[in-house]
C-alpha atoms as a PDB file:
ATOM      1  CA  MET A   1       0.086  -0.017  -0.010  1.00  0.00           C
ATOM      2  CA  ASP A   2       1.154   3.469  -0.870  1.00  0.00           C
ATOM      3  CA  LEU A   3       2.074   5.178   2.144  1.00  0.00           C
ATOM      4  CA  ALA A   4       1.496   8.810   0.526  1.00  0.00           C
ATOM      5  CA  LEU A   5      -2.117   7.212   0.929  1.00  0.00           C
ATOM      6  CA  LEU A   6      -2.269   6.713   4.309  1.00  0.00           C
ATOM      7  CA  ARG A   7      -0.480   9.814   4.986  1.00  0.00           C
ATOM      8  CA  THR A   8      -3.156  12.041   3.478  1.00  0.00           C
ATOM      9  CA  PHE A   9      -6.135   9.569   5.048  1.00  0.00           C
ATOM     10  CA  VAL A  10      -4.562  10.375   8.349  1.00  0.00           C
ATOM     11  CA  THR A  11      -4.290  13.840   7.520  1.00  0.00           C
ATOM     12  CA  VAL A  12      -7.927  14.102   6.698  1.00  0.00           C
ATOM     13  CA  HIS A  13      -8.768  12.195   9.882  1.00  0.00           C
ATOM     14  CA  ARG A  14      -7.149  14.775  11.631  1.00  0.00           C
ATOM     15  CA  ALA A  15      -8.449  17.824  10.197  1.00  0.00           C
ATOM     16  CA  GLY A  16     -11.940  16.543   9.732  1.00  0.00           C
ATOM     17  CA  SER A  17     -12.216  18.148   6.125  1.00  0.00           C
ATOM     18  CA  PHE A  18     -10.835  17.338   2.669  1.00  0.00           C
ATOM     19  CA  THR A  19     -10.379  21.115   2.580  1.00  0.00           C
ATOM     20  CA  ARG A  20      -8.061  21.345   5.698  1.00  0.00           C
ATOM     21  CA  ALA A  21      -6.154  18.373   4.639  1.00  0.00           C
ATOM     22  CA  ALA A  22      -5.202  19.796   1.587  1.00  0.00           C
ATOM     23  CA  ALA A  23      -3.984  22.965   2.841  1.00  0.00           C
ATOM     24  CA  LEU A  24      -1.971  21.062   5.359  1.00  0.00           C
ATOM     25  CA  LEU A  25      -0.365  18.807   2.627  1.00  0.00           C
ATOM     26  CA  GLY A  26       0.020  21.649   0.195  1.00  0.00           C
ATOM     27  CA  LEU A  27      -2.173  19.793  -2.214  1.00  0.00           C
ATOM     28  CA  SER A  28      -5.503  20.459  -3.952  1.00  0.00           C
ATOM     29  CA  GLN A  29      -8.619  19.070  -2.887  1.00  0.00           C
ATOM     30  CA  PRO A  30      -9.421  17.238  -6.100  1.00  0.00           C
ATOM     31  CA  ALA A  31      -5.856  15.461  -5.393  1.00  0.00           C
ATOM     32  CA  VAL A  32      -6.711  14.659  -1.851  1.00  0.00           C
ATOM     33  CA  THR A  33     -10.173  13.458  -2.594  1.00  0.00           C
ATOM     34  CA  SER A  34      -8.713  11.146  -5.506  1.00  0.00           C
ATOM     35  CA  GLN A  35      -6.124   9.726  -3.039  1.00  0.00           C
ATOM     36  CA  ILE A  36      -9.046   8.857  -0.465  1.00  0.00           C
ATOM     37  CA  ARG A  37     -11.349   7.325  -2.969  1.00  0.00           C
ATOM     38  CA  SER A  38      -8.016   5.184  -4.203  1.00  0.00           C
ATOM     39  CA  LEU A  39      -7.575   3.949  -0.867  1.00  0.00           C
ATOM     40  CA  GLU A  40     -11.170   3.037  -0.433  1.00  0.00           C
ATOM     41  CA  ARG A  41     -11.102   0.990  -3.333  1.00  0.00           C
ATOM     42  CA  GLN A  42      -8.045  -0.815  -2.239  1.00  0.00           C
ATOM     43  CA  LEU A  43     -10.008  -1.562   0.823  1.00  0.00           C
ATOM     44  CA  GLY A  44     -13.241  -2.070  -0.424  1.00  0.00           C
ATOM     45  CA  ARG A  45     -14.690  -0.056   2.472  1.00  0.00           C
ATOM     46  CA  PRO A  46     -15.838   3.871   2.573  1.00  0.00           C
ATOM     47  CA  LEU A  47     -13.393   5.458   5.112  1.00  0.00           C
ATOM     48  CA  PHE A  48     -15.422   8.858   5.530  1.00  0.00           C
ATOM     49  CA  LEU A  49     -19.136   9.870   5.580  1.00  0.00           C
ATOM     50  CA  ARG A  50     -18.983  13.240   3.502  1.00  0.00           C
ATOM     51  CA  GLN A  51     -21.455  15.983   5.365  1.00  0.00           C
ATOM     52  CA  ALA A  52     -22.065  19.672   4.449  1.00  0.00           C
ATOM     53  CA  ARG A  53     -19.217  20.561   6.859  1.00  0.00           C
ATOM     54  CA  GLY A  54     -16.616  18.101   6.523  1.00  0.00           C
ATOM     55  CA  VAL A  55     -16.102  14.550   6.874  1.00  0.00           C
ATOM     56  CA  THR A  56     -16.882  11.944   9.674  1.00  0.00           C
ATOM     57  CA  PRO A  57     -14.833   8.642   9.494  1.00  0.00           C
ATOM     58  CA  THR A  58     -16.697   5.544   9.258  1.00  0.00           C
ATOM     59  CA  THR A  59     -16.021   2.596  12.180  1.00  0.00           C
ATOM     60  CA  ILE A  60     -13.283   1.310   9.451  1.00  0.00           C
ATOM     61  CA  GLY A  61     -12.092   4.586   9.109  1.00  0.00           C
ATOM     62  CA  ASP A  62     -11.387   5.175  12.852  1.00  0.00           C
ATOM     63  CA  GLU A  63     -10.123   1.968  13.475  1.00  0.00           C
ATOM     64  CA  LEU A  64      -7.413   2.361  10.547  1.00  0.00           C
ATOM     65  CA  ALA A  65      -6.615   5.799  11.847  1.00  0.00           C
ATOM     66  CA  HIS A  66      -5.744   4.862  15.027  1.00  0.00           C
ATOM     67  CA  ARG A  67      -3.889   1.696  14.025  1.00  0.00           C
ATOM     68  CA  ALA A  68      -1.967   3.663  11.127  1.00  0.00           C
ATOM     69  CA  ALA A  69      -1.217   7.320  12.990  1.00  0.00           C
ATOM     70  CA  PRO A  70       0.899   6.073  15.402  1.00  0.00           C
ATOM     71  CA  HIS A  71       3.684   4.483  12.911  1.00  0.00           C
ATOM     72  CA  LEU A  72       3.317   7.264  10.561  1.00  0.00           C
ATOM     73  CA  ASP A  73       4.258   9.666  13.036  1.00  0.00           C
ATOM     74  CA  ALA A  74       7.013   7.294  13.998  1.00  0.00           C
ATOM     75  CA  LEU A  75       8.233   7.382  10.501  1.00  0.00           C
ATOM     76  CA  VAL A  76       8.033  11.134  10.792  1.00  0.00           C
ATOM     77  CA  GLU A  77      10.224  11.249  13.920  1.00  0.00           C
ATOM     78  CA  ILE A  78      13.200   8.993  12.313  1.00  0.00           C
ATOM     79  CA  VAL A  79      13.450  11.354   9.501  1.00  0.00           C
ATOM     80  CA  GLU A  80      13.502  14.439  11.654  1.00  0.00           C
ATOM     81  CA  ALA A  81      15.866  12.837  13.910  1.00  0.00           C
ATOM     82  CA  GLY A  82      18.062  12.280  10.911  1.00  0.00           C
ATOM     83  CA  LEU A  83      17.745  15.946  10.230  1.00  0.00           C
ATOM     84  CA  ASP A  84      18.494  17.005  13.654  1.00  0.00           C
ATOM     85  CA  ASP A  85      21.409  14.910  14.145  1.00  0.00           C
ATOM     86  CA  GLU A  86      23.468  17.692  12.193  1.00  0.00           C
ATOM     87  CA  SER A  87      22.213  20.715  14.256  1.00  0.00           C
ATOM     88  CA  GLY A  88      21.826  18.527  17.492  1.00  0.00           C
ATOM     89  CA  VAL A  89      18.218  20.410  17.956  1.00  0.00           C
ATOM     90  CA  ARG A  90      14.881  18.880  18.560  1.00  0.00           C
ATOM     91  CA  THR A  91      11.679  21.117  17.938  1.00  0.00           C
ATOM     92  CA  LEU A  92       8.629  20.872  20.148  1.00  0.00           C
ATOM     93  CA  HIS A  93       5.650  22.404  18.541  1.00  0.00           C
ATOM     94  CA  LEU A  94       3.257  23.652  21.779  1.00  0.00           C
ATOM     95  CA  ALA A  95       0.165  25.309  21.931  1.00  0.00           C
ATOM     96  CA  GLY A  96      -1.932  26.574  24.911  1.00  0.00           C
ATOM     97  CA  PRO A  97      -3.659  29.472  26.063  1.00  0.00           C
ATOM     98  CA  PRO A  98      -1.588  32.631  26.451  1.00  0.00           C
ATOM     99  CA  GLU A  99      -1.283  33.421  30.445  1.00  0.00           C
ATOM    100  CA  PHE A 100      -1.277  30.109  31.371  1.00  0.00           C
ATOM    101  CA  THR A 101       1.311  28.990  28.720  1.00  0.00           C
ATOM    102  CA  SER A 102       3.360  32.178  29.609  1.00  0.00           C
ATOM    103  CA  VAL A 103       3.631  31.495  33.388  1.00  0.00           C
ATOM    104  CA  ARG A 104       3.148  27.958  33.995  1.00  0.00           C
ATOM    105  CA  VAL A 105       4.024  26.026  30.808  1.00  0.00           C
ATOM    106  CA  LEU A 106       7.022  27.393  29.112  1.00  0.00           C
ATOM    107  CA  PRO A 107       9.081  27.976  32.480  1.00  0.00           C
ATOM    108  CA  ALA A 108       8.474  24.266  33.039  1.00  0.00           C
ATOM    109  CA  LEU A 109      10.350  23.251  29.907  1.00  0.00           C
ATOM    110  CA  THR A 110      13.404  25.408  30.427  1.00  0.00           C
ATOM    111  CA  LYS A 111      15.582  22.755  31.608  1.00  0.00           C
ATOM    112  CA  LEU A 112      14.845  20.773  28.111  1.00  0.00           C
ATOM    113  CA  VAL A 113      15.459  24.008  26.544  1.00  0.00           C
ATOM    114  CA  SER A 114      18.931  23.795  28.210  1.00  0.00           C
ATOM    115  CA  GLN A 115      19.288  20.404  26.795  1.00  0.00           C
ATOM    116  CA  GLY A 116      18.967  20.994  23.174  1.00  0.00           C
ATOM    117  CA  LEU A 117      15.072  21.231  22.809  1.00  0.00           C
ATOM    118  CA  ALA A 118      13.769  24.106  20.611  1.00  0.00           C
ATOM    119  CA  VAL A 119      10.124  25.046  21.322  1.00  0.00           C
ATOM    120  CA  ARG A 120       7.855  26.886  19.020  1.00  0.00           C
ATOM    121  CA  THR A 121       4.866  27.988  20.718  1.00  0.00           C
ATOM    122  CA  SER A 122       1.096  29.275  19.357  1.00  0.00           C
ATOM    123  CA  LEU A 123      -0.831  31.239  21.933  1.00  0.00           C
ATOM    124  CA  VAL A 124      -4.510  30.355  21.561  1.00  0.00           C
ATOM    125  CA  SER A 125      -7.120  31.116  24.064  1.00  0.00           C
ATOM    126  CA  ALA A 126     -10.209  28.879  22.704  1.00  0.00           C
ATOM    127  CA  ALA A 127     -10.093  24.927  23.761  1.00  0.00           C
ATOM    128  CA  GLU A 128     -11.393  23.783  20.828  1.00  0.00           C
ATOM    129  CA  GLU A 129      -8.976  25.890  18.406  1.00  0.00           C
ATOM    130  CA  VAL A 130      -6.120  24.428  20.504  1.00  0.00           C
ATOM    131  CA  LEU A 131      -7.318  20.946  20.016  1.00  0.00           C
ATOM    132  CA  ASP A 132      -8.395  21.284  16.407  1.00  0.00           C
ATOM    133  CA  GLY A 133      -4.490  22.344  15.457  1.00  0.00           C
ATOM    134  CA  LEU A 134      -3.320  19.612  17.662  1.00  0.00           C
ATOM    135  CA  ALA A 135      -5.278  16.958  15.969  1.00  0.00           C
ATOM    136  CA  ALA A 136      -4.485  18.640  12.376  1.00  0.00           C
ATOM    137  CA  GLY A 137      -0.753  18.060  13.448  1.00  0.00           C
ATOM    138  CA  HIS A 138       0.012  21.593  13.822  1.00  0.00           C
ATOM    139  CA  HIS A 139       1.157  21.067  17.285  1.00  0.00           C
ATOM    140  CA  ASP A 140       3.082  18.112  19.240  1.00  0.00           C
ATOM    141  CA  VAL A 141       1.643  19.183  22.627  1.00  0.00           C
ATOM    142  CA  ALA A 142      -1.069  21.180  23.883  1.00  0.00           C
ATOM    143  CA  VAL A 143      -2.498  22.339  27.071  1.00  0.00           C
ATOM    144  CA  ALA A 144      -6.061  23.155  27.226  1.00  0.00           C
ATOM    145  CA  THR A 145      -8.994  23.584  29.489  1.00  0.00           C
ATOM    146  CA  ALA A 146     -11.444  20.834  27.483  1.00  0.00           C
ATOM    147  CA  ARG A 147     -10.739  17.262  27.587  1.00  0.00           C
ATOM    148  CA  PRO A 148     -10.750  15.839  23.976  1.00  0.00           C
ATOM    149  CA  ARG A 149     -13.335  13.460  23.078  1.00  0.00           C
ATOM    150  CA  GLY A 150     -13.089  10.185  20.777  1.00  0.00           C
ATOM    151  CA  GLY A 151      -9.554   8.123  20.592  1.00  0.00           C
ATOM    152  CA  LEU A 152      -7.444  10.336  18.196  1.00  0.00           C
ATOM    153  CA  LEU A 153      -6.206  12.594  21.108  1.00  0.00           C
ATOM    154  CA  THR A 154      -4.777  11.482  24.589  1.00  0.00           C
ATOM    155  CA  ALA A 155      -5.643  13.787  27.552  1.00  0.00           C
ATOM    156  CA  THR A 156      -3.982  13.793  31.016  1.00  0.00           C
ATOM    157  CA  PRO A 157      -5.157  15.971  33.723  1.00  0.00           C
ATOM    158  CA  LEU A 158      -2.535  18.485  34.587  1.00  0.00           C
ATOM    159  CA  CYS A 159      -3.588  20.782  37.408  1.00  0.00           C
ATOM    160  CA  ASP A 160      -6.566  22.600  38.446  1.00  0.00           C
ATOM    161  CA  GLU A 161      -6.902  26.327  38.553  1.00  0.00           C
ATOM    162  CA  GLU A 162      -8.796  28.328  41.377  1.00  0.00           C
ATOM    163  CA  HIS A 163     -10.599  31.151  40.416  1.00  0.00           C
ATOM    164  CA  VAL A 164     -10.906  34.254  42.776  1.00  0.00           C
ATOM    165  CA  LEU A 165     -12.890  37.266  42.883  1.00  0.00           C
ATOM    166  CA  VAL A 166     -10.940  40.249  43.239  1.00  0.00           C
ATOM    167  CA  ALA A 167     -10.770  44.006  43.111  1.00  0.00           C
ATOM    168  CA  SER A 168      -8.788  46.853  44.254  1.00  0.00           C
ATOM    169  CA  PRO A 169      -8.648  48.129  47.891  1.00  0.00           C
ATOM    170  CA  ARG A 170     -10.592  51.009  46.986  1.00  0.00           C
ATOM    171  CA  TRP A 171     -13.581  48.825  45.934  1.00  0.00           C
ATOM    172  CA  ALA A 172     -13.164  45.938  48.365  1.00  0.00           C
ATOM    173  CA  ALA A 173     -13.286  48.829  51.304  1.00  0.00           C
ATOM    174  CA  ARG A 174     -16.713  49.497  50.191  1.00  0.00           C
ATOM    175  CA  LEU A 175     -17.940  46.154  50.178  1.00  0.00           C
ATOM    176  CA  ALA A 176     -19.384  43.900  52.921  1.00  0.00           C
ATOM    177  CA  PRO A 177     -18.740  40.396  52.732  1.00  0.00           C
ATOM    178  CA  GLY A 178     -21.870  39.347  53.828  1.00  0.00           C
ATOM    179  CA  VAL A 179     -23.877  41.165  51.328  1.00  0.00           C
ATOM    180  CA  LEU A 180     -21.885  39.540  48.680  1.00  0.00           C
ATOM    181  CA  LEU A 181     -23.048  36.075  49.865  1.00  0.00           C
ATOM    182  CA  ARG A 182     -26.722  36.687  49.808  1.00  0.00           C
ATOM    183  CA  LYS A 183     -26.832  39.093  47.136  1.00  0.00           C
ATOM    184  CA  GLY A 184     -23.805  38.456  44.680  1.00  0.00           C
ATOM    185  CA  ALA A 185     -25.834  39.283  41.755  1.00  0.00           C
ATOM    186  CA  VAL A 186     -27.170  42.507  43.084  1.00  0.00           C
ATOM    187  CA  VAL A 187     -23.961  43.950  44.205  1.00  0.00           C
ATOM    188  CA  LEU A 188     -22.503  42.939  40.850  1.00  0.00           C
ATOM    189  CA  GLU A 189     -24.848  45.330  39.013  1.00  0.00           C
ATOM    190  CA  GLN A 190     -23.702  47.977  40.649  1.00  0.00           C
ATOM    191  CA  LEU A 191     -20.020  47.543  40.384  1.00  0.00           C
ATOM    192  CA  PRO A 192     -17.749  47.959  37.264  1.00  0.00           C
ATOM    193  CA  VAL A 193     -16.460  44.667  36.077  1.00  0.00           C
ATOM    194  CA  VAL A 194     -13.182  44.068  33.918  1.00  0.00           C
ATOM    195  CA  GLU A 195     -13.612  40.837  31.587  1.00  0.00           C
ATOM    196  CA  VAL A 196     -12.061  38.715  28.667  1.00  0.00           C
ATOM    197  CA  HIS A 197     -15.208  38.931  26.491  1.00  0.00           C
ATOM    198  CA  GLU A 198     -18.843  40.582  26.535  1.00  0.00           C
ATOM    199  CA  SER A 199     -19.999  36.916  27.737  1.00  0.00           C
ATOM    200  CA  LEU A 200     -18.296  37.257  31.038  1.00  0.00           C
ATOM    201  CA  PRO A 201     -16.755  33.720  30.792  1.00  0.00           C
ATOM    202  CA  PHE A 202     -15.143  34.178  34.264  1.00  0.00           C
ATOM    203  CA  VAL A 203     -17.583  35.904  36.216  1.00  0.00           C
ATOM    204  CA  ALA A 204     -20.227  34.082  35.091  1.00  0.00           C
ATOM    205  CA  ARG A 205     -18.737  30.773  36.014  1.00  0.00           C
ATOM    206  CA  TYR A 206     -17.541  32.173  39.347  1.00  0.00           C
ATOM    207  CA  TRP A 207     -21.323  33.424  39.892  1.00  0.00           C
ATOM    208  CA  ALA A 208     -23.001  30.181  39.032  1.00  0.00           C
ATOM    209  CA  ALA A 209     -20.305  28.120  41.458  1.00  0.00           C
ATOM    210  CA  VAL A 210     -20.799  30.522  44.297  1.00  0.00           C
ATOM    211  CA  PHE A 211     -24.163  32.171  44.057  1.00  0.00           C
ATOM    212  CA  GLU A 212     -26.026  29.631  42.003  1.00  0.00           C
ATOM    213  CA  SER A 213     -27.012  32.493  39.742  1.00  0.00           C
ATOM    214  CA  LYS A 214     -26.259  34.399  36.529  1.00  0.00           C
ATOM    215  CA  PRO A 215     -24.828  37.964  36.279  1.00  0.00           C
ATOM    216  CA  ALA A 216     -26.824  40.414  35.040  1.00  0.00           C
ATOM    217  CA  ALA A 217     -24.163  43.229  34.605  1.00  0.00           C
ATOM    218  CA  ALA A 218     -22.269  44.373  31.580  1.00  0.00           C
ATOM    219  CA  ALA A 219     -18.869  44.557  31.733  1.00  0.00           C
ATOM    220  CA  THR A 220     -17.144  47.944  31.963  1.00  0.00           C
ATOM    221  CA  VAL A 221     -13.741  46.992  30.427  1.00  0.00           C
ATOM    222  CA  ILE A 222     -13.200  43.920  28.027  1.00  0.00           C
ATOM    223  CA  VAL A 223      -9.517  42.997  27.265  1.00  0.00           C
ATOM    224  CA  PRO A 224      -8.615  39.369  25.762  1.00  0.00           C
ATOM    225  CA  ASP A 225      -5.886  38.553  28.172  1.00  0.00           C
ATOM    226  CA  LEU A 226      -6.078  37.865  31.969  1.00  0.00           C
ATOM    227  CA  ARG A 227      -2.712  39.584  32.545  1.00  0.00           C
ATOM    228  CA  ALA A 228      -4.279  42.755  31.300  1.00  0.00           C
ATOM    229  CA  VAL A 229      -7.485  42.229  33.456  1.00  0.00           C
ATOM    230  CA  LEU A 230      -5.331  41.608  36.314  1.00  0.00           C
ATOM    231  CA  GLU A 231      -3.646  45.093  35.649  1.00  0.00           C
ATOM    232  CA  SER A 232      -7.149  47.019  34.901  1.00  0.00           C
ATOM    233  CA  ALA A 233      -8.277  45.325  38.210  1.00  0.00           C
ATOM    234  CA  ALA A 234      -5.501  46.382  40.425  1.00  0.00           C
ATOM    235  CA  SER A 235      -5.659  49.964  38.871  1.00  0.00           C
ATOM    236  CA  GLY A 236      -9.321  49.989  40.292  1.00  0.00           C
ATOM    237  CA  ALA A 237     -10.808  49.881  36.826  1.00  0.00           C
ATOM    238  CA  GLY A 238     -13.532  47.450  38.635  1.00  0.00           C
ATOM    239  CA  LEU A 239     -14.126  43.883  39.822  1.00  0.00           C
ATOM    240  CA  ALA A 240     -12.599  40.676  38.357  1.00  0.00           C
ATOM    241  CA  VAL A 241     -12.455  36.943  38.658  1.00  0.00           C
ATOM    242  CA  LEU A 242      -8.839  35.469  37.861  1.00  0.00           C
ATOM    243  CA  PRO A 243      -6.958  32.454  38.462  1.00  0.00           C
ATOM    244  CA  ARG A 244      -5.222  32.569  41.658  1.00  0.00           C
ATOM    245  CA  TYR A 245      -1.799  31.640  39.913  1.00  0.00           C
ATOM    246  CA  LEU A 246      -2.066  34.624  38.085  1.00  0.00           C
ATOM    247  CA  CYS A 247      -2.966  37.252  40.710  1.00  0.00           C
ATOM    248  CA  GLU A 248      -1.043  35.603  43.789  1.00  0.00           C
ATOM    249  CA  ASP A 249       1.793  38.074  43.937  1.00  0.00           C
ATOM    250  CA  ALA A 250      -0.877  41.241  43.792  1.00  0.00           C
ATOM    251  CA  LEU A 251      -3.018  39.676  46.480  1.00  0.00           C
ATOM    252  CA  ALA A 252       0.157  39.337  48.577  1.00  0.00           C
ATOM    253  CA  ASP A 253       1.487  42.792  47.880  1.00  0.00           C
ATOM    254  CA  GLY A 254      -1.973  44.312  48.239  1.00  0.00           C
ATOM    255  CA  ARG A 255      -2.629  45.593  44.969  1.00  0.00           C
ATOM    256  CA  LEU A 256      -5.600  43.240  44.979  1.00  0.00           C
ATOM    257  CA  VAL A 257      -8.270  41.872  47.761  1.00  0.00           C
ATOM    258  CA  ALA A 258      -9.695  38.704  47.628  1.00  0.00           C
ATOM    259  CA  LEU A 259     -13.849  39.754  47.942  1.00  0.00           C
ATOM    260  CA  LEU A 260     -14.662  36.242  49.112  1.00  0.00           C
ATOM    261  CA  ASP A 261     -13.316  33.035  50.272  1.00  0.00           C
ATOM    262  CA  PRO A 262     -16.236  30.678  49.544  1.00  0.00           C
ATOM    263  CA  PRO A 263     -15.701  26.848  51.371  1.00  0.00           C
ATOM    264  CA  VAL A 264     -15.348  25.450  47.752  1.00  0.00           C
ATOM    265  CA  PRO A 265     -13.957  27.931  45.221  1.00  0.00           C
ATOM    266  CA  PRO A 266     -14.357  27.482  41.656  1.00  0.00           C
ATOM    267  CA  LEU A 267     -12.222  25.342  39.935  1.00  0.00           C
ATOM    268  CA  ARG A 268     -11.057  24.811  36.082  1.00  0.00           C
ATOM    269  CA  THR A 269      -8.864  21.757  34.828  1.00  0.00           C
ATOM    270  CA  TYR A 270      -5.984  21.802  32.611  1.00  0.00           C
ATOM    271  CA  PHE A 271      -5.104  18.823  30.469  1.00  0.00           C
ATOM    272  CA  VAL A 272      -1.581  18.183  28.630  1.00  0.00           C
ATOM    273  CA  VAL A 273      -2.868  16.426  25.207  1.00  0.00           C
ATOM    274  CA  VAL A 274      -1.059  14.828  22.525  1.00  0.00           C
ATOM    275  CA  ARG A 275      -2.050  12.861  19.763  1.00  0.00           C
ATOM    276  CA  THR A 276      -2.590   8.934  20.620  1.00  0.00           C
ATOM    277  CA  GLY A 277       0.619   6.964  19.704  1.00  0.00           C
ATOM    278  CA  THR A 278       3.005  10.114  19.657  1.00  0.00           C
ATOM    279  CA  LEU A 279       4.342   9.660  23.253  1.00  0.00           C
ATOM    280  CA  SER A 280       6.583   6.956  21.497  1.00  0.00           C
ATOM    281  CA  LEU A 281       8.530   9.905  20.290  1.00  0.00           C
ATOM    282  CA  PRO A 282      11.335  10.738  23.052  1.00  0.00           C
ATOM    283  CA  HIS A 283      10.893  14.755  22.587  1.00  0.00           C
ATOM    284  CA  ILE A 284       7.246  14.496  23.345  1.00  0.00           C
ATOM    285  CA  ALA A 285       7.588  12.011  25.770  1.00  0.00           C
ATOM    286  CA  ARG A 286      10.249  14.465  27.777  1.00  0.00           C
ATOM    287  CA  ALA A 287       7.995  17.481  27.556  1.00  0.00           C
ATOM    288  CA  HIS A 288       4.853  15.911  28.260  1.00  0.00           C
ATOM    289  CA  ASP A 289       6.628  14.171  31.464  1.00  0.00           C
ATOM    290  CA  SER A 290       8.166  17.625  32.671  1.00  0.00           C
ATOM    291  CA  LEU A 291       4.957  19.291  32.623  1.00  0.00           C
ATOM    292  CA  LEU A 292       3.308  16.829  34.874  1.00  0.00           C
ATOM    293  CA  ARG A 293       6.162  16.769  37.325  1.00  0.00           C
ATOM    294  CA  ALA A 294       6.109  20.613  37.213  1.00  0.00           C
ATOM    295  CA  ALA A 295       2.569  20.322  37.718  1.00  0.00           C
ATOM    296  CA  THR A 296       2.608  18.949  41.264  1.00  0.00           C
ATOM    297  CA  ASP A 297       3.817  22.365  42.695  1.00  0.00           C
ATOM    298  CA  TRP A 298       1.272  24.290  40.989  1.00  0.00           C
END
């Protein structure tokens, strides 16, 4: 069987689309379609169900992908290892949310960098986009806040992120914790809010977990980076919900104040994710292990 056909098949399976696979492979869409049809004729079975948006693998298609993909990845590893021998540098393609990747993930890989690993990083906020890029082969390792479905990707829990309701000392001085616990939504409507999106994702998650209600307020400041949310809140722009790892220094030096200390704080889980079978590749396995070990202190 032609390995080129298998490579095209695995790329389509990961991308979920002939069009996206064609772009990844540098081929035309008709060429990709022709190769998949050729493979289907050889196997005597359909591998994909065509849909309005992309394709869905059949049971046979899923089985072939799960068997073939690790071996194709291993062949790529052999070729890349041969190329890397000349410079002595291996490259890891990493993806994850901007703040967590910057503050936690990249520092955890520093030791591997000193041992000859090169890192290329994509900072992507949306978990779905991170996982799609990993499945399509754009990344080797991803850190995401969602566990992928199916067997194409393998996810391992990395750590839990605690969320904290914070504000500057000026705003905190005006609030009574008892009032917040009884009338959280009402109080929120009266205060300016700093968030990463108009939908208030962090505030809404906090309010659902602590007050069992939905926030009715609109954000005063929207900025799509939690580090900027932190600085805006610390300067007095309004209250915010932030991960504790990101705001612990500001809490310690008094620039921010935690408005509540709920018995069960809202948590969000991070996962380290790879394509199934790629942990057989040494540089991916080392990065995966380094992240898990570092996370024990997070």
